[in-house]
């Protein structure tokens, strides 16, 4: 059985701590609190889908008007959490895909969709640090796979109004790869 992840993005650091407490009291989940763009926090909840769902529902209620967005993903692709944690090893594998979103939760959702749509490796999910609340997903693989992953993500992000940009670089210069390592 895959892991489920819940995300609650808030525009308050103080409220983020209160929301994390509410989530932990609501259900048996693991919680990570991340500071994103100045003044924002991201609560990442992992566990069984029913526990994550309950925790997110309680957290959104506790967060009230400070909640920017929330998301629950069941059966999360195993490459998402390492990329979000910044522990995925950057090994050039051909093409590079970059997805830029208006929110961190949209970036994580995009990473999950992309990784499930094609044989690609998630290299990094950058949540909002110096990005004004945006999120960026960087992935690699064969040119066709990267194009397929980016194409799978683009329509739902556009429909939700969350897409800033989506690009494929077929053969990145080695100097570009060095910037990511």
C-alpha atoms as a PDB file:
ATOM      1  CA  UNK A   1       0.000   0.000   0.000  1.00  0.00           C
ATOM      2  CA  UNK A   2       1.343   3.451  -0.886  1.00  0.00           C
ATOM      3  CA  UNK A   3       1.777   6.376   1.406  1.00  0.00           C
ATOM      4  CA  UNK A   4      -0.711   9.223   1.433  1.00  0.00           C
ATOM      5  CA  UNK A   5       0.316  12.834   1.825  1.00  0.00           C
ATOM      6  CA  UNK A   6      -1.712  15.813   2.896  1.00  0.00           C
ATOM      7  CA  UNK A   7      -0.618  19.405   2.469  1.00  0.00           C
ATOM      8  CA  UNK A   8      -1.875  22.553   4.087  1.00  0.00           C
ATOM      9  CA  UNK A   9      -0.335  25.828   2.929  1.00  0.00           C
ATOM     10  CA  UNK A  10      -0.906  28.799   5.236  1.00  0.00           C
ATOM     11  CA  UNK A  11      -0.097  32.492   5.145  1.00  0.00           C
ATOM     12  CA  UNK A  12       0.816  32.524   8.848  1.00  0.00           C
ATOM     13  CA  UNK A  13       3.739  30.906  10.643  1.00  0.00           C
ATOM     14  CA  UNK A  14       2.041  31.089  14.039  1.00  0.00           C
ATOM     15  CA  UNK A  15      -1.184  29.601  12.708  1.00  0.00           C
ATOM     16  CA  UNK A  16       0.921  26.892  11.020  1.00  0.00           C
ATOM     17  CA  UNK A  17       2.057  25.642  14.426  1.00  0.00           C
ATOM     18  CA  UNK A  18      -1.505  25.617  15.707  1.00  0.00           C
ATOM     19  CA  UNK A  19      -2.684  23.758  12.601  1.00  0.00           C
ATOM     20  CA  UNK A  20       0.116  21.173  12.965  1.00  0.00           C
ATOM     21  CA  UNK A  21      -0.960  20.608  16.579  1.00  0.00           C
ATOM     22  CA  UNK A  22      -4.584  20.180  15.487  1.00  0.00           C
ATOM     23  CA  UNK A  23      -3.570  17.656  12.829  1.00  0.00           C
ATOM     24  CA  UNK A  24      -1.468  15.621  15.256  1.00  0.00           C
ATOM     25  CA  UNK A  25      -4.347  15.525  17.750  1.00  0.00           C
ATOM     26  CA  UNK A  26      -6.870  14.524  15.064  1.00  0.00           C
ATOM     27  CA  UNK A  27      -5.172  11.432  13.631  1.00  0.00           C
ATOM     28  CA  UNK A  28      -2.017   9.276  13.728  1.00  0.00           C
ATOM     29  CA  UNK A  29       0.038  11.080  11.071  1.00  0.00           C
ATOM     30  CA  UNK A  30       3.635  12.206  10.703  1.00  0.00           C
ATOM     31  CA  UNK A  31       3.946  15.975  10.433  1.00  0.00           C
ATOM     32  CA  UNK A  32       6.673  18.166   8.985  1.00  0.00           C
ATOM     33  CA  UNK A  33       6.416  21.944   9.212  1.00  0.00           C
ATOM     34  CA  UNK A  34       8.275  23.943   6.584  1.00  0.00           C
ATOM     35  CA  UNK A  35       8.672  27.663   6.347  1.00  0.00           C
ATOM     36  CA  UNK A  36       8.204  28.671   2.750  1.00  0.00           C
ATOM     37  CA  UNK A  37       7.990  32.170   1.384  1.00  0.00           C
ATOM     38  CA  UNK A  38       8.446  34.797   4.149  1.00  0.00           C
ATOM     39  CA  UNK A  39       5.443  34.617   6.400  1.00  0.00           C
ATOM     40  CA  UNK A  40       4.079  31.333   5.052  1.00  0.00           C
ATOM     41  CA  UNK A  41       4.197  27.767   6.262  1.00  0.00           C
ATOM     42  CA  UNK A  42       3.578  24.382   4.702  1.00  0.00           C
ATOM     43  CA  UNK A  43       2.310  21.481   6.785  1.00  0.00           C
ATOM     44  CA  UNK A  44       3.179  18.103   5.217  1.00  0.00           C
ATOM     45  CA  UNK A  45       1.244  15.161   6.657  1.00  0.00           C
ATOM     46  CA  UNK A  46       2.000  11.526   5.821  1.00  0.00           C
ATOM     47  CA  UNK A  47       0.357   8.264   6.791  1.00  0.00           C
ATOM     48  CA  UNK A  48      -2.619   6.110   5.917  1.00  0.00           C
ATOM     49  CA  UNK A  49      -5.162   7.836   3.645  1.00  0.00           C
ATOM     50  CA  UNK A  50      -7.963   7.891   6.226  1.00  0.00           C
ATOM     51  CA  UNK A  51      -5.702   9.408   8.887  1.00  0.00           C
ATOM     52  CA  UNK A  52      -4.296  11.987   6.467  1.00  0.00           C
ATOM     53  CA  UNK A  53      -7.791  12.928   5.283  1.00  0.00           C
ATOM     54  CA  UNK A  54      -9.010  13.422   8.851  1.00  0.00           C
ATOM     55  CA  UNK A  55      -5.927  15.432   9.816  1.00  0.00           C
ATOM     56  CA  UNK A  56      -6.213  17.717   6.762  1.00  0.00           C
ATOM     57  CA  UNK A  57      -9.913  18.340   7.440  1.00  0.00           C
ATOM     58  CA  UNK A  58      -9.144  19.330  11.052  1.00  0.00           C
ATOM     59  CA  UNK A  59      -6.155  21.416   9.963  1.00  0.00           C
ATOM     60  CA  UNK A  60      -8.110  23.357   7.341  1.00  0.00           C
ATOM     61  CA  UNK A  61     -10.809  24.124   9.904  1.00  0.00           C
ATOM     62  CA  UNK A  62      -8.207  25.267  12.444  1.00  0.00           C
ATOM     63  CA  UNK A  63      -6.388  27.343   9.819  1.00  0.00           C
ATOM     64  CA  UNK A  64      -9.503  29.215   8.758  1.00  0.00           C
ATOM     65  CA  UNK A  65      -8.859  32.250   6.574  1.00  0.00           C
ATOM     66  CA  UNK A  66      -5.065  31.749   6.750  1.00  0.00           C
ATOM     67  CA  UNK A  67      -5.268  28.619   4.573  1.00  0.00           C
ATOM     68  CA  UNK A  68      -3.921  29.321   1.077  1.00  0.00           C
ATOM     69  CA  UNK A  69      -4.642  25.826  -0.219  1.00  0.00           C
ATOM     70  CA  UNK A  70      -4.795  22.194   0.820  1.00  0.00           C
ATOM     71  CA  UNK A  71      -4.391  18.903  -0.968  1.00  0.00           C
ATOM     72  CA  UNK A  72      -4.614  15.165  -0.276  1.00  0.00           C
ATOM     73  CA  UNK A  73      -2.785  12.704  -2.517  1.00  0.00           C
ATOM     74  CA  UNK A  74      -3.285   8.985  -2.000  1.00  0.00           C
ATOM     75  CA  UNK A  75      -0.667   6.508  -3.165  1.00  0.00           C
ATOM     76  CA  UNK A  76       1.994   9.181  -3.580  1.00  0.00           C
ATOM     77  CA  UNK A  77       4.727   8.429  -6.116  1.00  0.00           C
ATOM     78  CA  UNK A  78       7.825   7.343  -4.131  1.00  0.00           C
ATOM     79  CA  UNK A  79      10.010  10.006  -5.783  1.00  0.00           C
ATOM     80  CA  UNK A  80       7.980  12.976  -4.503  1.00  0.00           C
ATOM     81  CA  UNK A  81       9.061  13.131  -0.853  1.00  0.00           C
ATOM     82  CA  UNK A  82      12.821  12.781  -1.547  1.00  0.00           C
ATOM     83  CA  UNK A  83      12.582  15.556  -4.164  1.00  0.00           C
ATOM     84  CA  UNK A  84      10.630  17.759  -1.749  1.00  0.00           C
ATOM     85  CA  UNK A  85      13.171  17.079   0.993  1.00  0.00           C
ATOM     86  CA  UNK A  86      16.057  17.986  -1.304  1.00  0.00           C
ATOM     87  CA  UNK A  87      17.711  14.586  -0.947  1.00  0.00           C
ATOM     88  CA  UNK A  88      17.205  13.324  -4.501  1.00  0.00           C
ATOM     89  CA  UNK A  89      20.575  12.970  -6.205  1.00  0.00           C
ATOM     90  CA  UNK A  90      20.985  15.112  -9.323  1.00  0.00           C
ATOM     91  CA  UNK A  91      22.264  12.821 -12.065  1.00  0.00           C
ATOM     92  CA  UNK A  92      21.751  14.117 -15.618  1.00  0.00           C
ATOM     93  CA  UNK A  93      19.659  11.629 -17.590  1.00  0.00           C
ATOM     94  CA  UNK A  94      18.947  13.474 -20.793  1.00  0.00           C
ATOM     95  CA  UNK A  95      16.238  16.082 -20.997  1.00  0.00           C
ATOM     96  CA  UNK A  96      15.157  18.438 -18.230  1.00  0.00           C
ATOM     97  CA  UNK A  97      11.572  19.405 -17.499  1.00  0.00           C
ATOM     98  CA  UNK A  98      10.652  22.397 -15.366  1.00  0.00           C
ATOM     99  CA  UNK A  99       7.155  23.061 -14.036  1.00  0.00           C
ATOM    100  CA  UNK A 100       6.490  26.377 -12.296  1.00  0.00           C
ATOM    101  CA  UNK A 101       3.286  26.799 -10.305  1.00  0.00           C
ATOM    102  CA  UNK A 102       1.565  29.562  -8.359  1.00  0.00           C
ATOM    103  CA  UNK A 103       1.490  27.532  -5.117  1.00  0.00           C
ATOM    104  CA  UNK A 104       3.526  24.906  -3.328  1.00  0.00           C
ATOM    105  CA  UNK A 105       0.628  22.465  -3.142  1.00  0.00           C
ATOM    106  CA  UNK A 106       0.188  22.698  -6.924  1.00  0.00           C
ATOM    107  CA  UNK A 107       3.904  21.931  -7.408  1.00  0.00           C
ATOM    108  CA  UNK A 108       3.674  18.804  -5.283  1.00  0.00           C
ATOM    109  CA  UNK A 109       0.541  17.668  -7.107  1.00  0.00           C
ATOM    110  CA  UNK A 110       2.297  18.358 -10.436  1.00  0.00           C
ATOM    111  CA  UNK A 111       5.325  16.304  -9.374  1.00  0.00           C
ATOM    112  CA  UNK A 112       3.120  13.356  -8.450  1.00  0.00           C
ATOM    113  CA  UNK A 113       1.195  13.504 -11.749  1.00  0.00           C
ATOM    114  CA  UNK A 114       4.401  13.854 -13.813  1.00  0.00           C
ATOM    115  CA  UNK A 115       6.164  10.968 -12.085  1.00  0.00           C
ATOM    116  CA  UNK A 116       3.150   8.697 -12.580  1.00  0.00           C
ATOM    117  CA  UNK A 117       2.662   9.711 -16.233  1.00  0.00           C
ATOM    118  CA  UNK A 118       6.101   8.779 -17.577  1.00  0.00           C
ATOM    119  CA  UNK A 119       9.411   7.222 -16.631  1.00  0.00           C
ATOM    120  CA  UNK A 120      11.102  10.328 -15.241  1.00  0.00           C
ATOM    121  CA  UNK A 121      13.090  11.089 -12.136  1.00  0.00           C
ATOM    122  CA  UNK A 122      12.054  13.931  -9.856  1.00  0.00           C
ATOM    123  CA  UNK A 123      15.157  15.921  -9.001  1.00  0.00           C
ATOM    124  CA  UNK A 124      13.788  18.783  -6.964  1.00  0.00           C
ATOM    125  CA  UNK A 125      10.573  20.329  -5.725  1.00  0.00           C
ATOM    126  CA  UNK A 126      11.345  23.857  -4.598  1.00  0.00           C
ATOM    127  CA  UNK A 127       8.650  25.272  -2.385  1.00  0.00           C
ATOM    128  CA  UNK A 128       8.523  29.047  -2.492  1.00  0.00           C
ATOM    129  CA  UNK A 129      11.924  29.994  -1.077  1.00  0.00           C
ATOM    130  CA  UNK A 130      12.518  33.324  -2.727  1.00  0.00           C
ATOM    131  CA  UNK A 131       9.824  32.519  -5.265  1.00  0.00           C
ATOM    132  CA  UNK A 132       6.974  34.640  -3.918  1.00  0.00           C
ATOM    133  CA  UNK A 133       4.902  31.650  -2.841  1.00  0.00           C
ATOM    134  CA  UNK A 134       5.386  29.710  -6.080  1.00  0.00           C
ATOM    135  CA  UNK A 135       6.644  26.163  -6.490  1.00  0.00           C
ATOM    136  CA  UNK A 136       9.053  24.660  -9.010  1.00  0.00           C
ATOM    137  CA  UNK A 137       9.445  21.010 -10.030  1.00  0.00           C
ATOM    138  CA  UNK A 138      12.570  19.861 -11.873  1.00  0.00           C
ATOM    139  CA  UNK A 139      12.623  16.421 -13.471  1.00  0.00           C
ATOM    140  CA  UNK A 140      14.781  14.462 -15.884  1.00  0.00           C
ATOM    141  CA  UNK A 141      14.622  11.494 -18.232  1.00  0.00           C
ATOM    142  CA  UNK A 142      14.545  10.742 -21.924  1.00  0.00           C
ATOM    143  CA  UNK A 143      13.211  13.552 -24.107  1.00  0.00           C
ATOM    144  CA  UNK A 144       9.980  11.711 -24.927  1.00  0.00           C
ATOM    145  CA  UNK A 145       9.347  10.792 -21.299  1.00  0.00           C
ATOM    146  CA  UNK A 146       9.983  14.338 -20.068  1.00  0.00           C
ATOM    147  CA  UNK A 147       7.674  15.756 -22.748  1.00  0.00           C
ATOM    148  CA  UNK A 148       4.983  13.217 -21.803  1.00  0.00           C
ATOM    149  CA  UNK A 149       5.308  14.084 -18.098  1.00  0.00           C
ATOM    150  CA  UNK A 150       5.107  17.833 -18.756  1.00  0.00           C
ATOM    151  CA  UNK A 151       2.185  17.336 -21.160  1.00  0.00           C
ATOM    152  CA  UNK A 152       0.311  15.278 -18.541  1.00  0.00           C
ATOM    153  CA  UNK A 153       0.619  18.044 -15.943  1.00  0.00           C
ATOM    154  CA  UNK A 154      -0.057  21.102 -18.096  1.00  0.00           C
ATOM    155  CA  UNK A 155      -3.855  20.762 -18.699  1.00  0.00           C
ATOM    156  CA  UNK A 156      -4.912  20.246 -15.066  1.00  0.00           C
ATOM    157  CA  UNK A 157      -2.632  23.050 -13.850  1.00  0.00           C
ATOM    158  CA  UNK A 158      -3.999  25.428 -16.510  1.00  0.00           C
ATOM    159  CA  UNK A 159      -7.561  24.472 -15.625  1.00  0.00           C
ATOM    160  CA  UNK A 160      -6.916  25.209 -11.944  1.00  0.00           C
ATOM    161  CA  UNK A 161      -5.165  28.493 -12.775  1.00  0.00           C
ATOM    162  CA  UNK A 162      -1.962  27.209 -11.162  1.00  0.00           C
ATOM    163  CA  UNK A 163       0.439  27.036 -14.129  1.00  0.00           C
ATOM    164  CA  UNK A 164       3.104  29.734 -14.445  1.00  0.00           C
ATOM    165  CA  UNK A 165       5.252  27.913 -17.010  1.00  0.00           C
ATOM    166  CA  UNK A 166       6.145  24.421 -18.236  1.00  0.00           C
ATOM    167  CA  UNK A 167       9.277  23.796 -20.286  1.00  0.00           C
ATOM    168  CA  UNK A 168      11.347  20.953 -21.675  1.00  0.00           C
ATOM    169  CA  UNK A 169      15.063  21.411 -22.346  1.00  0.00           C
ATOM    170  CA  UNK A 170      16.004  18.496 -24.648  1.00  0.00           C
ATOM    171  CA  UNK A 171      19.763  18.588 -24.058  1.00  0.00           C
ATOM    172  CA  UNK A 172      20.783  20.823 -21.143  1.00  0.00           C
ATOM    173  CA  UNK A 173      24.316  22.181 -21.067  1.00  0.00           C
ATOM    174  CA  UNK A 174      26.492  20.458 -18.401  1.00  0.00           C
ATOM    175  CA  UNK A 175      26.884  23.827 -16.694  1.00  0.00           C
ATOM    176  CA  UNK A 176      23.124  23.920 -16.111  1.00  0.00           C
ATOM    177  CA  UNK A 177      23.210  20.508 -14.432  1.00  0.00           C
ATOM    178  CA  UNK A 178      26.029  21.747 -12.193  1.00  0.00           C
ATOM    179  CA  UNK A 179      23.774  24.544 -10.937  1.00  0.00           C
ATOM    180  CA  UNK A 180      21.297  21.975  -9.657  1.00  0.00           C
ATOM    181  CA  UNK A 181      23.844  19.765  -7.888  1.00  0.00           C
END
